[in-house]
């Protein structure tokens, strides 16, 4: 919790297992919201983010202009 408060955490991967408002999972998620730390709470989400981070490390990210279309 201290690391979250002190800004030492940039991303939290927390898959809840307990129930109730006093579980560690709940406290971690609550601190994440309070200190605006992105949180992933599913295994599939964790896997997707891990894969995306790995892909980003392999090549430089490029910004491409998006085209906007107008609807009739």
C-alpha atoms as a PDB file:
ATOM      1  CA  UNK A   1       0.000   0.000   0.000  1.00  0.00           C
ATOM      2  CA  UNK A   2       2.868   2.361   0.751  1.00  0.00           C
ATOM      3  CA  UNK A   3       4.320   1.853  -2.726  1.00  0.00           C
ATOM      4  CA  UNK A   4       0.974   2.781  -4.279  1.00  0.00           C
ATOM      5  CA  UNK A   5       0.698   5.907  -2.101  1.00  0.00           C
ATOM      6  CA  UNK A   6       4.272   6.952  -2.831  1.00  0.00           C
ATOM      7  CA  UNK A   7       3.850   6.648  -6.610  1.00  0.00           C
ATOM      8  CA  UNK A   8       6.103   3.593  -6.875  1.00  0.00           C
ATOM      9  CA  UNK A   9       3.503   1.548  -8.767  1.00  0.00           C
ATOM     10  CA  UNK A  10       2.535   2.281 -12.374  1.00  0.00           C
ATOM     11  CA  UNK A  11       0.234  -0.677 -13.055  1.00  0.00           C
ATOM     12  CA  UNK A  12      -1.570  -3.194 -10.856  1.00  0.00           C
ATOM     13  CA  UNK A  13      -2.523  -6.683 -11.976  1.00  0.00           C
ATOM     14  CA  UNK A  14      -4.820  -7.957  -9.234  1.00  0.00           C
ATOM     15  CA  UNK A  15      -7.153 -10.896  -9.765  1.00  0.00           C
ATOM     16  CA  UNK A  16      -9.590 -10.933  -6.815  1.00  0.00           C
ATOM     17  CA  UNK A  17     -10.041 -14.209  -4.966  1.00  0.00           C
ATOM     18  CA  UNK A  18     -11.634 -13.199  -1.673  1.00  0.00           C
ATOM     19  CA  UNK A  19     -15.018 -11.817  -0.829  1.00  0.00           C
ATOM     20  CA  UNK A  20     -15.945  -8.966   1.403  1.00  0.00           C
ATOM     21  CA  UNK A  21     -14.827  -5.388   1.899  1.00  0.00           C
ATOM     22  CA  UNK A  22     -11.826  -6.280   4.119  1.00  0.00           C
ATOM     23  CA  UNK A  23      -9.983  -8.555   1.721  1.00  0.00           C
ATOM     24  CA  UNK A  24      -6.507  -7.498   0.551  1.00  0.00           C
ATOM     25  CA  UNK A  25      -7.810  -7.429  -3.023  1.00  0.00           C
ATOM     26  CA  UNK A  26     -10.384  -4.822  -2.096  1.00  0.00           C
ATOM     27  CA  UNK A  27      -7.847  -2.640  -0.289  1.00  0.00           C
ATOM     28  CA  UNK A  28      -5.452  -2.758  -3.236  1.00  0.00           C
ATOM     29  CA  UNK A  29      -8.185  -1.851  -5.736  1.00  0.00           C
ATOM     30  CA  UNK A  30      -9.388   0.954  -3.489  1.00  0.00           C
ATOM     31  CA  UNK A  31      -5.882   2.442  -3.225  1.00  0.00           C
ATOM     32  CA  UNK A  32      -5.444   2.079  -6.985  1.00  0.00           C
ATOM     33  CA  UNK A  33      -8.563   4.127  -7.628  1.00  0.00           C
ATOM     34  CA  UNK A  34      -7.627   6.717  -4.996  1.00  0.00           C
ATOM     35  CA  UNK A  35      -4.122   7.197  -6.401  1.00  0.00           C
ATOM     36  CA  UNK A  36      -5.135   6.788 -10.045  1.00  0.00           C
ATOM     37  CA  UNK A  37      -3.108   3.654 -10.797  1.00  0.00           C
ATOM     38  CA  UNK A  38      -4.421   1.586 -13.737  1.00  0.00           C
ATOM     39  CA  UNK A  39      -5.638  -1.829 -12.563  1.00  0.00           C
ATOM     40  CA  UNK A  40      -6.377  -5.062 -14.408  1.00  0.00           C
ATOM     41  CA  UNK A  41      -8.564  -7.582 -12.596  1.00  0.00           C
ATOM     42  CA  UNK A  42      -8.886 -10.552 -14.963  1.00  0.00           C
ATOM     43  CA  UNK A  43      -6.350 -13.151 -16.059  1.00  0.00           C
ATOM     44  CA  UNK A  44      -7.217 -12.598 -19.719  1.00  0.00           C
ATOM     45  CA  UNK A  45      -6.724  -8.850 -19.276  1.00  0.00           C
ATOM     46  CA  UNK A  46      -3.362  -9.413 -17.574  1.00  0.00           C
ATOM     47  CA  UNK A  47      -2.261 -11.661 -20.410  1.00  0.00           C
ATOM     48  CA  UNK A  48      -3.331  -9.127 -23.047  1.00  0.00           C
ATOM     49  CA  UNK A  49      -1.460  -6.296 -21.325  1.00  0.00           C
ATOM     50  CA  UNK A  50       1.665  -8.422 -20.831  1.00  0.00           C
ATOM     51  CA  UNK A  51       1.613  -9.330 -24.536  1.00  0.00           C
ATOM     52  CA  UNK A  52       1.118  -5.680 -25.523  1.00  0.00           C
ATOM     53  CA  UNK A  53       4.001  -4.511 -23.321  1.00  0.00           C
ATOM     54  CA  UNK A  54       6.220  -7.224 -24.807  1.00  0.00           C
ATOM     55  CA  UNK A  55       5.285  -6.177 -28.343  1.00  0.00           C
ATOM     56  CA  UNK A  56       5.973  -2.519 -27.570  1.00  0.00           C
ATOM     57  CA  UNK A  57       9.448  -3.374 -26.299  1.00  0.00           C
ATOM     58  CA  UNK A  58      10.279  -5.156 -29.557  1.00  0.00           C
ATOM     59  CA  UNK A  59       9.574  -2.217 -31.829  1.00  0.00           C
ATOM     60  CA  UNK A  60       9.159   1.517 -31.660  1.00  0.00           C
ATOM     61  CA  UNK A  61       5.617   2.756 -31.547  1.00  0.00           C
ATOM     62  CA  UNK A  62       4.454   4.920 -34.441  1.00  0.00           C
ATOM     63  CA  UNK A  63       1.703   7.462 -34.493  1.00  0.00           C
ATOM     64  CA  UNK A  64      -0.501   7.410 -37.582  1.00  0.00           C
ATOM     65  CA  UNK A  65      -3.028  10.105 -38.417  1.00  0.00           C
ATOM     66  CA  UNK A  66      -6.551   8.814 -38.278  1.00  0.00           C
ATOM     67  CA  UNK A  67      -9.082   9.712 -40.901  1.00  0.00           C
ATOM     68  CA  UNK A  68     -12.377  11.063 -39.826  1.00  0.00           C
ATOM     69  CA  UNK A  69     -15.388  10.405 -41.950  1.00  0.00           C
ATOM     70  CA  UNK A  70     -18.557  12.359 -42.003  1.00  0.00           C
ATOM     71  CA  UNK A  71     -21.820  10.543 -42.087  1.00  0.00           C
ATOM     72  CA  UNK A  72     -24.513  11.707 -44.480  1.00  0.00           C
END
